[in-house]
Amino acid sequence: MKGAKLHGWLVLDKPVGLTSVQALGRARRLLGGGKAGHGGTLDPLASGVLPLAFGEATKIIAHVMDGTKIYEFTVLWGQQRSTDDAEGEIIAVSDARPTEKEVLAALPFFVGDILQTPPAFSALKIAGQRAYDLARKGQEVDLRPRKVQIDRLDLIKADKEGATLRLACGKGTYVRALARDLALKLGSLGYVGALRRLAAGNFGIAQAISVEKLEELAHKGAAQTALLSVGSALDDIPGLTLTASEAQTLRNGNRLLLRRDQLHLIKEPLIAAFYQEEPVALVRVENGALCVVRGFRFS
C-alpha cells in the first residue's frame, strides 16, 4: 500500500547498466516509497546481490556493509583501462598472456591482509572531491594504498584471453584494483570484463529478486511480499530472546541486568535482542548489564 511504513530488506539482483542509486530508486518506487538505503555499492558494470534496506533496516546498513562479500569476476589480459573495467578507455597494452599455472602461482600473494591502491575512478574523496570527478576532468588522482582483507581467491578457469575467479573479501576491497594488480604481478596488464556479486553479509544470490520479478509483483500489488525481515541481516551475531518487560526496558533506553543464564554473552561485542521474533535492539554488555547500542521502533 502506497505510503505505508516499510521495514525490512529487499535483496535485489541488480542488473548490469544500473547504478546502485538507480536500482534503489526503482525498487523504492515499486514498493511505494519510504525511507531506504543500500548496503554496499555495485558499479554499473556489475550485477548481483544488492541489499536494500527499508525503514528500521536502514539502521543496520553498516552491519551488512561490514560483512563478507563474495564475487565472481573475469579479468581480461592485455590492456590497461582508465577505469580498470570494460567501460574505460585503453591507456596501455601488453602482449603478455599468463598461463593457468602462472595464475595459480600468483593467487596466494593476494590472500590475507594486503595493501591495495583504489582505482582512480572510485567514490573516495580527495580534498572534498570524489576521485572519479577528478579523473574525468583529467586531473591526477593520488590515492594511498589501504589495507583490505582477502579471505579466498580461487581460480575457476583460465585461458589466453583471461581468467575467471571467485573472491571472498572484506569491506573496502576493490575488485577492479585486484584484477589490475594480479595482471601486473603476472607481467601483463588487465581489467575487469565481468563482475557478479554472489553474497553480501548474510544475503546470497539465492534470496535475490530481479527487477523484472519485482515489477511483476508490484503490478499485482504484492511487491512488499519480497521483503525479508529486519532481523534477517543479524543472523551472524548472537541472539537473545526477551520477555515483554525486558523488551520494554530496552525500548526505554534503560540498562538490563544480565541473568545468570545469559553470562555466556559477556564477551560478545554485539548481541541482537528480540521479542516475539522482532528485533528490539542491538546491545552490548557493560558492567554486567545489557546496554542499547541501536534500538528499533516499528510503530
Foldseek 3Di string as FASTA:
>chain_A
DAPDADFFKAWAFADAQDWLVRVQVLLCVLVRHADKDWQDTDDSQETETIIMGGDLLVVCSVVLLQAKWKKKFKKFWFFAFLQLEPVGDTDDGDPDFDDPVLLVVLFVVVAAWDWFFDHQLDQDDDPRHGSNVCVVVVHDRDTGTDIWHWHDWAWPDGDRGITIIMTITGHPDDVSRVSQVSQVVRVTGIGIHYMYIQDTQLDGRVLHDYSVVLNVCSVVVRNSVSGDHSCSNVPVFAEAEDDPVVLVCVLVQHKAADDPVRVVQQPGQWYFYDYPNHTAAIWHDDPRITGGPGGDDDD
